[in-house]
């Protein structure tokens, strides 16, 4: 049984309407109202549990009352609940809608990933240097490690959410963070590789042009497009369903950090065609991930809306039949 716990602070003049909205919904349980006990903001404290599959409509109604502006709304996942009434409502009435994502949670999760602290840029730089070592030593393990360390997918998902929701500020912040972050990673990787070249520490195989790892990165092709598209779909779906294991798979399948690292390495060793190929690979992956992210978000919303309408029609037919 999937539920969320909702805590509200409601201005006294809105409490009756909020409680009526919650009490009239068959998927809201354990409703508690404490008058004039909330502080900062001051008001009435209201708590309840809602079946996750029906939460979107309830939360939309609460926000239409402007409780998020005049009071506050806090959502918490319920790890475990024992309620025969709730379990029966979920099984018999919600159907497939029981597994619908709570879009407020999804958007909050993506927004949290789109927070660009100094550590965001530090991780990008460290991932770039790790990637450059992997390119110089032809180590696929280090390339995978660089992919895992890189935090760029959070910014990419945030830009996709901004485009999907028409939030220009979020789009600009995300694109700025990606541009500055990758540029910084490329510059640091270039300086690191230049130092390696100046000290003649590069492996002999790399000097002889034996660069199988680099060759995979700096030659974008149709397979690069296929992987980026599939990774973009999986990434957004995993964020929607809170599937961290699937999201980790996205991190180690997208050629963004390795491409940025290869730009720096190739420039340091005057391999200009490889640098151009890697830059194209980097831009191709970022653009595809954003575009596919937007389309996947819109598709999922449309699918769940359709499932919701189908569930409502089905319940209406059963009610008329009864």
Foldseek 3Di string as FASTA:
>chain_A
DWKKKKKFFAAAVCVVVLVVLQVPDQFKAPWDKAAQPDVPPTGIIIMIMGQQLPVQVSVVVCVVSVRVPVINMDMGTDPDDDDPSNVCCLVPQCPPSSQAFNVVQLLVLLVVLLDDDVVLLVLLQVLLQLLLVCQLVVPLVSPLVSLLSHSLVSLLLQLLVCVLVVPPVSVVSSVVSVVVSLVVNLVSLLVVLLVCVVVVVGDPCVVVVNGPPLVVQLADDPVLLVQLLVLLLQCSVCSRNVPVVSNSVSSRRQRASSLSSQLSNCVSVVVVSSNVSSVVSNVSSSVSSSVSSNVNVVVSVVVSVVSVVVSVVVVVVVVVVD
